[in-house]
Amino acid sequence: MISASRIAAVPRRAIIVVVVTAVLAVAALVLGVRQQHELAEADAPAKLPEPAVTAGASPEIDILLGLARDATREGRLVAPQGNNAYEYYLSILQLDAKNATATDALRETLPFASQTIERQINRRDLEEARREIALLRDFDPTNYTLIILGAKLDAQQQVVTAEDEAKADAIRRRNGG
């Protein structure tokens, strides 16, 4: 006769198998996209692009451009919150929706920012990765790389949740519950 705990364990195993399969599928997609990006970036310069200086902008925009350039130079593309290049450039676009410098800088640094987010996901800093993806989606909500990063984030969250549930189940079993 099959015990009740063994029946309860079967769906959990099935969930874990599904989650692992989903993670592997997302990883395969990410690797394919990464290879395409690496081929495209092989022709591009290795350092972060330096946005052009614009003349005749308002003092607020000039200040934000300076802060954004400093943040880009220092590698603060999407973090820390409130003091990063993306937030400064997005603020410029709120003041001047047609600002070419901000638009170009956001577009050119998106691949670098995406790599930063992927590292956050791999380190399981999921809340920060979620914030950073949302920040980049403010600029380009339909970007394919961001869609893939969102899927990878969701898959990683499912893995973490499944691991936490397994740990909680093990503690319950150990404590006789």
N, C-alpha and C. Protein backbone atom coordinates (compact mmCIF):
# COMPACT_ATOMS: atom_id res chain seq x y z
N MET A 1 0.84 -1.18 0.00
CA MET A 1 0.00 0.00 0.00
C MET A 1 0.89 1.25 0.00
N ILE A 2 0.51 2.27 -0.73
CA ILE A 2 1.28 3.51 -0.85
C ILE A 2 0.88 4.43 0.29
N SER A 3 1.91 4.97 0.99
CA SER A 3 1.63 5.87 2.11
C SER A 3 1.24 7.26 1.60
N ALA A 4 0.57 8.03 2.47
CA ALA A 4 0.12 9.38 2.11
C ALA A 4 1.30 10.30 1.81
N SER A 5 2.40 10.16 2.56
CA SER A 5 3.55 11.04 2.32
C SER A 5 4.20 10.74 0.98
N ARG A 6 4.15 9.47 0.54
CA ARG A 6 4.74 9.12 -0.75
C ARG A 6 3.89 9.69 -1.89
N ILE A 7 2.58 9.69 -1.73
CA ILE A 7 1.70 10.27 -2.74
C ILE A 7 1.94 11.78 -2.83
N ALA A 8 2.11 12.44 -1.67
CA ALA A 8 2.35 13.89 -1.66
C ALA A 8 3.69 14.23 -2.30
N ALA A 9 4.67 13.33 -2.21
CA ALA A 9 6.00 13.59 -2.75
C ALA A 9 6.01 13.52 -4.27
N VAL A 10 5.14 12.74 -4.88
CA VAL A 10 5.13 12.59 -6.33
C VAL A 10 4.86 13.93 -7.03
N PRO A 11 3.82 14.68 -6.67
CA PRO A 11 3.61 15.96 -7.35
C PRO A 11 4.78 16.92 -7.15
N ARG A 12 5.40 16.91 -5.98
CA ARG A 12 6.54 17.78 -5.72
C ARG A 12 7.68 17.43 -6.67
N ARG A 13 7.91 16.14 -6.85
CA ARG A 13 8.96 15.71 -7.78
C ARG A 13 8.62 16.15 -9.20
N ALA A 14 7.38 16.03 -9.56
CA ALA A 14 6.96 16.44 -10.91
C ALA A 14 7.17 17.93 -11.09
N ILE A 15 6.87 18.71 -10.07
CA ILE A 15 7.07 20.16 -10.14
C ILE A 15 8.54 20.47 -10.33
N ILE A 16 9.38 19.79 -9.57
CA ILE A 16 10.82 20.03 -9.67
C ILE A 16 11.33 19.66 -11.06
N VAL A 17 10.84 18.56 -11.62
CA VAL A 17 11.25 18.15 -12.96
C VAL A 17 10.81 19.20 -13.98
N VAL A 18 9.59 19.69 -13.86
CA VAL A 18 9.10 20.72 -14.78
C VAL A 18 9.92 21.99 -14.65
N VAL A 19 10.22 22.39 -13.42
CA VAL A 19 10.99 23.62 -13.20
C VAL A 19 12.39 23.47 -13.79
N VAL A 20 13.03 22.34 -13.55
CA VAL A 20 14.38 22.12 -14.07
C VAL A 20 14.35 22.11 -15.60
N THR A 21 13.33 21.50 -16.18
CA THR A 21 13.20 21.50 -17.64
C THR A 21 13.03 22.92 -18.17
N ALA A 22 12.20 23.71 -17.48
CA ALA A 22 11.99 25.10 -17.90
C ALA A 22 13.29 25.89 -17.81
N VAL A 23 14.04 25.69 -16.73
CA VAL A 23 15.31 26.39 -16.56
C VAL A 23 16.28 26.02 -17.68
N LEU A 24 16.33 24.75 -18.01
CA LEU A 24 17.23 24.31 -19.10
C LEU A 24 16.80 24.91 -20.43
N ALA A 25 15.49 24.98 -20.69
CA ALA A 25 15.02 25.57 -21.94
C ALA A 25 15.37 27.06 -22.01
N VAL A 26 15.17 27.76 -20.90
CA VAL A 26 15.51 29.18 -20.87
C VAL A 26 17.02 29.37 -21.03
N ALA A 27 17.79 28.51 -20.37
CA ALA A 27 19.25 28.61 -20.49
C ALA A 27 19.68 28.41 -21.94
N ALA A 28 19.06 27.46 -22.63
CA ALA A 28 19.40 27.23 -24.04
C ALA A 28 19.07 28.47 -24.87
N LEU A 29 17.92 29.08 -24.60
CA LEU A 29 17.56 30.31 -25.32
C LEU A 29 18.56 31.42 -25.03
N VAL A 30 18.90 31.58 -23.76
CA VAL A 30 19.83 32.64 -23.38
C VAL A 30 21.20 32.41 -24.03
N LEU A 31 21.65 31.17 -24.04
CA LEU A 31 22.94 30.89 -24.68
C LEU A 31 22.90 31.21 -26.18
N GLY A 32 21.79 30.89 -26.83
CA GLY A 32 21.67 31.21 -28.25
C GLY A 32 21.70 32.71 -28.49
N VAL A 33 20.97 33.45 -27.66
CA VAL A 33 20.95 34.91 -27.79
C VAL A 33 22.32 35.48 -27.46
N ARG A 34 22.96 34.93 -26.43
CA ARG A 34 24.29 35.41 -26.04
C ARG A 34 25.28 35.22 -27.17
N GLN A 35 25.21 34.07 -27.85
CA GLN A 35 26.12 33.85 -28.97
C GLN A 35 25.88 34.87 -30.07
N GLN A 36 24.62 35.20 -30.33
CA GLN A 36 24.32 36.21 -31.34
C GLN A 36 24.87 37.57 -30.90
N HIS A 37 24.71 37.89 -29.61
CA HIS A 37 25.22 39.16 -29.11
C HIS A 37 26.75 39.19 -29.17
N GLU A 38 27.39 38.08 -28.86
CA GLU A 38 28.85 38.04 -28.90
C GLU A 38 29.36 38.25 -30.33
N LEU A 39 28.67 37.67 -31.29
CA LEU A 39 29.07 37.89 -32.68
C LEU A 39 28.89 39.35 -33.07
N ALA A 40 27.79 39.94 -32.63
CA ALA A 40 27.55 41.35 -32.94
C ALA A 40 28.53 42.25 -32.21
N GLU A 41 28.85 41.90 -30.97
CA GLU A 41 29.75 42.73 -30.18
C GLU A 41 31.21 42.56 -30.59
N ALA A 42 31.53 41.49 -31.30
CA ALA A 42 32.90 41.30 -31.75
C ALA A 42 33.33 42.44 -32.68
N ASP A 43 32.36 42.98 -33.40
CA ASP A 43 32.65 44.10 -34.30
C ASP A 43 32.62 45.43 -33.57
N ALA A 44 32.01 45.47 -32.38
CA ALA A 44 31.87 46.72 -31.62
C ALA A 44 33.05 46.90 -30.68
N PRO A 45 33.31 48.13 -30.26
CA PRO A 45 34.39 48.36 -29.30
C PRO A 45 34.05 47.73 -27.96
N ALA A 46 35.07 47.34 -27.20
CA ALA A 46 34.87 46.62 -25.96
C ALA A 46 34.44 47.51 -24.81
N LYS A 47 34.80 48.79 -24.84
CA LYS A 47 34.45 49.67 -23.72
C LYS A 47 33.05 50.24 -23.89
N LEU A 48 32.49 50.70 -22.80
CA LEU A 48 31.17 51.32 -22.83
C LEU A 48 31.22 52.58 -23.68
N PRO A 49 30.17 52.81 -24.45
CA PRO A 49 30.16 54.01 -25.28
C PRO A 49 30.04 55.27 -24.45
N GLU A 50 30.69 56.31 -24.89
CA GLU A 50 30.61 57.62 -24.23
C GLU A 50 29.64 58.48 -25.01
N PRO A 51 28.52 58.89 -24.38
CA PRO A 51 27.54 59.69 -25.11
C PRO A 51 28.11 61.02 -25.57
N ALA A 52 27.58 61.50 -26.67
CA ALA A 52 28.03 62.77 -27.23
C ALA A 52 27.52 63.93 -26.37
N VAL A 53 28.23 65.03 -26.44
CA VAL A 53 27.82 66.23 -25.72
C VAL A 53 26.87 67.02 -26.61
N THR A 54 25.78 67.48 -26.02
CA THR A 54 24.83 68.28 -26.80
C THR A 54 24.94 69.73 -26.37
N ALA A 55 24.72 70.62 -27.31
CA ALA A 55 24.78 72.05 -27.02
C ALA A 55 23.37 72.60 -26.96
N GLY A 56 23.16 73.60 -26.12
CA GLY A 56 21.89 74.28 -26.06
C GLY A 56 20.84 73.59 -25.22
N ALA A 57 21.20 72.56 -24.45
CA ALA A 57 20.24 71.88 -23.60
C ALA A 57 20.00 72.72 -22.35
N SER A 58 18.92 72.42 -21.65
CA SER A 58 18.63 73.16 -20.42
C SER A 58 19.65 72.80 -19.35
N PRO A 59 19.80 73.65 -18.33
CA PRO A 59 20.77 73.36 -17.27
C PRO A 59 20.46 72.04 -16.55
N GLU A 60 19.17 71.73 -16.38
CA GLU A 60 18.80 70.47 -15.72
C GLU A 60 19.29 69.27 -16.54
N ILE A 61 19.07 69.36 -17.85
CA ILE A 61 19.50 68.27 -18.72
C ILE A 61 21.01 68.16 -18.74
N ASP A 62 21.71 69.30 -18.76
CA ASP A 62 23.18 69.26 -18.72
C ASP A 62 23.68 68.58 -17.45
N ILE A 63 23.06 68.90 -16.32
CA ILE A 63 23.45 68.28 -15.05
C ILE A 63 23.20 66.77 -15.09
N LEU A 64 22.00 66.39 -15.55
CA LEU A 64 21.68 64.97 -15.63
C LEU A 64 22.60 64.23 -16.60
N LEU A 65 22.94 64.87 -17.72
CA LEU A 65 23.87 64.24 -18.67
C LEU A 65 25.23 64.01 -18.01
N GLY A 66 25.69 65.00 -17.26
CA GLY A 66 26.97 64.84 -16.56
C GLY A 66 26.92 63.70 -15.55
N LEU A 67 25.84 63.63 -14.79
CA LEU A 67 25.69 62.55 -13.81
C LEU A 67 25.60 61.19 -14.50
N ALA A 68 24.88 61.15 -15.63
CA ALA A 68 24.75 59.90 -16.37
C ALA A 68 26.09 59.45 -16.95
N ARG A 69 26.85 60.39 -17.49
CA ARG A 69 28.17 60.05 -18.03
C ARG A 69 29.09 59.52 -16.93
N ASP A 70 29.07 60.18 -15.78
CA ASP A 70 29.90 59.71 -14.65
C ASP A 70 29.49 58.31 -14.23
N ALA A 71 28.18 58.07 -14.14
CA ALA A 71 27.69 56.76 -13.73
C ALA A 71 28.09 55.70 -14.76
N THR A 72 27.99 56.03 -16.05
CA THR A 72 28.38 55.09 -17.10
C THR A 72 29.87 54.77 -17.01
N ARG A 73 30.68 55.80 -16.86
CA ARG A 73 32.13 55.63 -16.77
C ARG A 73 32.51 54.76 -15.57
N GLU A 74 31.76 54.88 -14.48
CA GLU A 74 32.04 54.13 -13.26
C GLU A 74 31.35 52.76 -13.23
N GLY A 75 30.64 52.42 -14.31
CA GLY A 75 30.01 51.11 -14.39
C GLY A 75 28.70 51.00 -13.62
N ARG A 76 28.12 52.12 -13.26
CA ARG A 76 26.85 52.12 -12.53
C ARG A 76 25.70 52.29 -13.53
N LEU A 77 25.50 51.27 -14.35
CA LEU A 77 24.48 51.37 -15.39
C LEU A 77 23.07 51.27 -14.83
N VAL A 78 22.81 50.30 -13.95
CA VAL A 78 21.46 50.08 -13.44
C VAL A 78 21.40 50.03 -11.91
N ALA A 79 22.52 50.11 -11.26
CA ALA A 79 22.57 50.08 -9.80
C ALA A 79 23.70 51.00 -9.35
N PRO A 80 23.60 51.56 -8.18
CA PRO A 80 22.55 51.40 -7.17
C PRO A 80 21.31 52.19 -7.53
N GLN A 81 20.22 51.79 -6.92
CA GLN A 81 18.95 52.45 -7.20
C GLN A 81 19.06 53.94 -6.87
N GLY A 82 18.61 54.77 -7.79
CA GLY A 82 18.62 56.22 -7.59
C GLY A 82 19.91 56.90 -7.99
N ASN A 83 20.96 56.15 -8.31
CA ASN A 83 22.25 56.74 -8.66
C ASN A 83 22.90 55.92 -9.77
N ASN A 84 22.19 55.79 -10.89
CA ASN A 84 22.73 55.00 -12.00
C ASN A 84 22.40 55.68 -13.33
N ALA A 85 23.15 55.31 -14.34
CA ALA A 85 23.04 55.94 -15.65
C ALA A 85 21.64 55.82 -16.23
N TYR A 86 21.02 54.66 -16.13
CA TYR A 86 19.70 54.48 -16.73
C TYR A 86 18.67 55.42 -16.12
N GLU A 87 18.68 55.57 -14.82
CA GLU A 87 17.70 56.46 -14.19
C GLU A 87 17.95 57.92 -14.60
N TYR A 88 19.22 58.30 -14.72
CA TYR A 88 19.51 59.67 -15.16
C TYR A 88 19.05 59.90 -16.59
N TYR A 89 19.36 58.95 -17.49
CA TYR A 89 18.95 59.11 -18.88
C TYR A 89 17.43 59.09 -19.02
N LEU A 90 16.75 58.25 -18.26
CA LEU A 90 15.29 58.23 -18.30
C LEU A 90 14.72 59.55 -17.78
N SER A 91 15.37 60.15 -16.79
CA SER A 91 14.94 61.46 -16.30
C SER A 91 15.09 62.53 -17.38
N ILE A 92 16.17 62.43 -18.14
CA ILE A 92 16.36 63.37 -19.26
C ILE A 92 15.22 63.22 -20.26
N LEU A 93 14.84 61.99 -20.56
CA LEU A 93 13.75 61.78 -21.52
C LEU A 93 12.41 62.26 -20.97
N GLN A 94 12.25 62.31 -19.67
CA GLN A 94 11.02 62.88 -19.11
C GLN A 94 10.99 64.39 -19.34
N LEU A 95 12.18 65.02 -19.29
CA LEU A 95 12.27 66.45 -19.53
C LEU A 95 12.22 66.79 -21.02
N ASP A 96 12.84 65.92 -21.82
CA ASP A 96 12.92 66.15 -23.27
C ASP A 96 12.81 64.79 -23.96
N ALA A 97 11.60 64.41 -24.33
CA ALA A 97 11.33 63.08 -24.89
C ALA A 97 12.11 62.79 -26.17
N LYS A 98 12.59 63.83 -26.84
CA LYS A 98 13.31 63.63 -28.11
C LYS A 98 14.82 63.81 -27.96
N ASN A 99 15.33 63.76 -26.74
CA ASN A 99 16.76 63.96 -26.51
C ASN A 99 17.54 62.79 -27.11
N ALA A 100 18.25 63.07 -28.19
CA ALA A 100 18.97 62.02 -28.92
C ALA A 100 20.12 61.45 -28.11
N THR A 101 20.78 62.28 -27.31
CA THR A 101 21.91 61.79 -26.52
C THR A 101 21.46 60.74 -25.53
N ALA A 102 20.38 61.01 -24.82
CA ALA A 102 19.87 60.06 -23.83
C ALA A 102 19.36 58.79 -24.52
N THR A 103 18.63 58.96 -25.59
CA THR A 103 18.09 57.80 -26.32
C THR A 103 19.21 56.92 -26.84
N ASP A 104 20.21 57.52 -27.46
CA ASP A 104 21.34 56.75 -27.99
C ASP A 104 22.11 56.04 -26.88
N ALA A 105 22.34 56.75 -25.78
CA ALA A 105 23.07 56.15 -24.66
C ALA A 105 22.32 54.97 -24.07
N LEU A 106 21.01 55.10 -23.92
CA LEU A 106 20.20 53.99 -23.39
C LEU A 106 20.27 52.79 -24.33
N ARG A 107 20.15 53.03 -25.61
CA ARG A 107 20.18 51.94 -26.59
C ARG A 107 21.55 51.27 -26.62
N GLU A 108 22.62 52.08 -26.59
CA GLU A 108 23.97 51.54 -26.70
C GLU A 108 24.42 50.79 -25.45
N THR A 109 23.93 51.18 -24.29
CA THR A 109 24.37 50.52 -23.06
C THR A 109 23.45 49.37 -22.63
N LEU A 110 22.34 49.17 -23.33
CA LEU A 110 21.41 48.10 -22.96
C LEU A 110 22.07 46.72 -22.93
N PRO A 111 22.92 46.34 -23.89
CA PRO A 111 23.56 45.02 -23.81
C PRO A 111 24.44 44.87 -22.56
N PHE A 112 25.13 45.93 -22.17
CA PHE A 112 25.98 45.87 -20.98
C PHE A 112 25.13 45.76 -19.72
N ALA A 113 24.05 46.53 -19.67
CA ALA A 113 23.14 46.47 -18.53
C ALA A 113 22.48 45.10 -18.44
N SER A 114 22.17 44.50 -19.58
CA SER A 114 21.56 43.17 -19.60
C SER A 114 22.51 42.13 -19.01
N GLN A 115 23.79 42.27 -19.30
CA GLN A 115 24.77 41.35 -18.73
C GLN A 115 24.83 41.49 -17.21
N THR A 116 24.73 42.71 -16.72
CA THR A 116 24.72 42.95 -15.28
C THR A 116 23.51 42.27 -14.64
N ILE A 117 22.36 42.38 -15.29
CA ILE A 117 21.14 41.77 -14.76
C ILE A 117 21.27 40.25 -14.77
N GLU A 118 21.84 39.71 -15.82
CA GLU A 118 22.00 38.25 -15.87
C GLU A 118 22.89 37.75 -14.73
N ARG A 119 23.93 38.50 -14.41
CA ARG A 119 24.78 38.13 -13.27
C ARG A 119 23.98 38.18 -11.96
N GLN A 120 23.09 39.18 -11.83
CA GLN A 120 22.25 39.26 -10.62
C GLN A 120 21.38 38.01 -10.50
N ILE A 121 20.79 37.59 -11.61
CA ILE A 121 19.93 36.41 -11.60
C ILE A 121 20.75 35.18 -11.23
N ASN A 122 21.92 35.03 -11.81
CA ASN A 122 22.78 33.88 -11.52
C ASN A 122 23.22 33.85 -10.06
N ARG A 123 23.38 35.04 -9.45
CA ARG A 123 23.74 35.11 -8.03
C ARG A 123 22.52 34.99 -7.12
N ARG A 124 21.35 34.86 -7.74
CA ARG A 124 20.07 34.73 -7.04
C ARG A 124 19.70 35.98 -6.26
N ASP A 125 20.14 37.11 -6.75
CA ASP A 125 19.71 38.40 -6.19
C ASP A 125 18.48 38.81 -7.01
N LEU A 126 17.39 38.08 -6.79
CA LEU A 126 16.24 38.14 -7.68
C LEU A 126 15.46 39.44 -7.56
N GLU A 127 15.34 40.00 -6.38
CA GLU A 127 14.59 41.25 -6.24
C GLU A 127 15.31 42.40 -6.95
N GLU A 128 16.63 42.45 -6.82
CA GLU A 128 17.40 43.48 -7.51
C GLU A 128 17.32 43.28 -9.03
N ALA A 129 17.42 42.04 -9.48
CA ALA A 129 17.30 41.75 -10.91
C ALA A 129 15.92 42.17 -11.43
N ARG A 130 14.89 41.92 -10.65
CA ARG A 130 13.52 42.31 -11.04
C ARG A 130 13.42 43.83 -11.19
N ARG A 131 14.02 44.56 -10.24
CA ARG A 131 14.02 46.04 -10.29
C ARG A 131 14.76 46.52 -11.54
N GLU A 132 15.91 45.92 -11.81
CA GLU A 132 16.72 46.35 -12.94
C GLU A 132 16.05 46.04 -14.28
N ILE A 133 15.39 44.89 -14.39
CA ILE A 133 14.66 44.57 -15.62
C ILE A 133 13.54 45.58 -15.82
N ALA A 134 12.82 45.91 -14.75
CA ALA A 134 11.75 46.91 -14.86
C ALA A 134 12.31 48.25 -15.31
N LEU A 135 13.48 48.61 -14.82
CA LEU A 135 14.11 49.87 -15.21
C LEU A 135 14.42 49.89 -16.71
N LEU A 136 15.00 48.82 -17.23
CA LEU A 136 15.31 48.76 -18.65
C LEU A 136 14.05 48.69 -19.50
N ARG A 137 13.00 48.05 -18.97
CA ARG A 137 11.73 47.98 -19.71
C ARG A 137 11.07 49.35 -19.81
N ASP A 138 11.40 50.26 -18.89
CA ASP A 138 10.88 51.63 -19.01
C ASP A 138 11.34 52.26 -20.32
N PHE A 139 12.53 51.89 -20.77
CA PHE A 139 13.06 52.43 -22.02
C PHE A 139 12.59 51.61 -23.22
N ASP A 140 12.64 50.28 -23.12
CA ASP A 140 12.33 49.41 -24.26
C ASP A 140 11.53 48.20 -23.79
N PRO A 141 10.21 48.36 -23.65
CA PRO A 141 9.39 47.29 -23.07
C PRO A 141 9.29 46.03 -23.93
N THR A 142 9.60 46.09 -25.21
CA THR A 142 9.47 44.92 -26.08
C THR A 142 10.82 44.31 -26.46
N ASN A 143 11.89 44.71 -25.79
CA ASN A 143 13.22 44.21 -26.12
C ASN A 143 13.30 42.70 -25.87
N TYR A 144 13.77 41.98 -26.88
CA TYR A 144 13.83 40.52 -26.83
C TYR A 144 14.74 40.04 -25.69
N THR A 145 15.87 40.67 -25.51
CA THR A 145 16.80 40.27 -24.45
C THR A 145 16.14 40.42 -23.08
N LEU A 146 15.38 41.48 -22.90
CA LEU A 146 14.71 41.69 -21.61
C LEU A 146 13.60 40.67 -21.40
N ILE A 147 12.95 40.25 -22.47
CA ILE A 147 11.93 39.21 -22.36
C ILE A 147 12.58 37.90 -21.90
N ILE A 148 13.72 37.57 -22.48
CA ILE A 148 14.43 36.36 -22.10
C ILE A 148 14.93 36.45 -20.66
N LEU A 149 15.47 37.61 -20.28
CA LEU A 149 15.92 37.79 -18.90
C LEU A 149 14.75 37.66 -17.92
N GLY A 150 13.59 38.18 -18.30
CA GLY A 150 12.41 38.03 -17.46
C GLY A 150 12.02 36.57 -17.29
N ALA A 151 12.10 35.79 -18.36
CA ALA A 151 11.80 34.36 -18.29
C ALA A 151 12.83 33.63 -17.43
N LYS A 152 14.09 34.01 -17.58
CA LYS A 152 15.13 33.39 -16.76
C LYS A 152 14.94 33.73 -15.29
N LEU A 153 14.56 34.97 -15.02
CA LEU A 153 14.28 35.39 -13.65
C LEU A 153 13.12 34.57 -13.06
N ASP A 154 12.05 34.41 -13.84
CA ASP A 154 10.90 33.62 -13.37
C ASP A 154 11.29 32.17 -13.11
N ALA A 155 12.09 31.59 -14.00
CA ALA A 155 12.53 30.21 -13.82
C ALA A 155 13.40 30.08 -12.57
N GLN A 156 14.30 31.03 -12.37
CA GLN A 156 15.16 30.99 -11.19
C GLN A 156 14.32 31.14 -9.92
N GLN A 157 13.28 31.98 -9.96
CA GLN A 157 12.39 32.14 -8.81
C GLN A 157 11.68 30.83 -8.50
N GLN A 158 11.26 30.11 -9.54
CA GLN A 158 10.60 28.82 -9.33
C GLN A 158 11.56 27.81 -8.70
N VAL A 159 12.80 27.82 -9.14
CA VAL A 159 13.80 26.91 -8.57
C VAL A 159 14.01 27.24 -7.09
N VAL A 160 14.16 28.52 -6.78
CA VAL A 160 14.36 28.93 -5.39
C VAL A 160 13.16 28.54 -4.54
N THR A 161 11.96 28.75 -5.06
CA THR A 161 10.74 28.39 -4.34
C THR A 161 10.68 26.88 -4.10
N ALA A 162 10.98 26.09 -5.12
CA ALA A 162 10.97 24.63 -4.98
C ALA A 162 12.00 24.19 -3.95
N GLU A 163 13.19 24.80 -3.96
CA GLU A 163 14.21 24.45 -2.97
C GLU A 163 13.76 24.81 -1.56
N ASP A 164 13.15 25.98 -1.42
CA ASP A 164 12.65 26.40 -0.10
C ASP A 164 11.56 25.46 0.40
N GLU A 165 10.66 25.04 -0.49
CA GLU A 165 9.60 24.11 -0.11
C GLU A 165 10.20 22.76 0.30
N ALA A 166 11.22 22.31 -0.43
CA ALA A 166 11.86 21.04 -0.09
C ALA A 166 12.54 21.14 1.28
N LYS A 167 13.18 22.26 1.56
CA LYS A 167 13.82 22.45 2.87
C LYS A 167 12.78 22.47 3.99
N ALA A 168 11.68 23.18 3.74
CA ALA A 168 10.61 23.24 4.74
C ALA A 168 10.02 21.86 4.98
N ASP A 169 9.83 21.08 3.91
CA ASP A 169 9.30 19.72 4.04
C ASP A 169 10.26 18.85 4.84
N ALA A 170 11.56 18.99 4.56
CA ALA A 170 12.57 18.21 5.30
C ALA A 170 12.55 18.57 6.78
N ILE A 171 12.38 19.84 7.09
CA ILE A 171 12.33 20.26 8.50
C ILE A 171 11.08 19.69 9.16
N ARG A 172 9.94 19.72 8.45
CA ARG A 172 8.70 19.16 9.00
C ARG A 172 8.85 17.68 9.27
N ARG A 173 9.46 16.96 8.33
CA ARG A 173 9.65 15.51 8.52
C ARG A 173 10.59 15.22 9.69
N ARG A 174 11.62 16.04 9.81
CA ARG A 174 12.59 15.87 10.89
C ARG A 174 11.93 16.11 12.26
N ASN A 175 11.01 17.05 12.28
CA ASN A 175 10.34 17.41 13.53
C ASN A 175 9.10 16.57 13.77
N GLY A 176 8.87 15.59 12.90
CA GLY A 176 7.75 14.70 13.08
C GLY A 176 6.42 15.26 12.66
N GLY A 177 6.43 16.30 11.84
CA GLY A 177 5.18 16.95 11.42
C GLY A 177 4.79 16.51 10.11
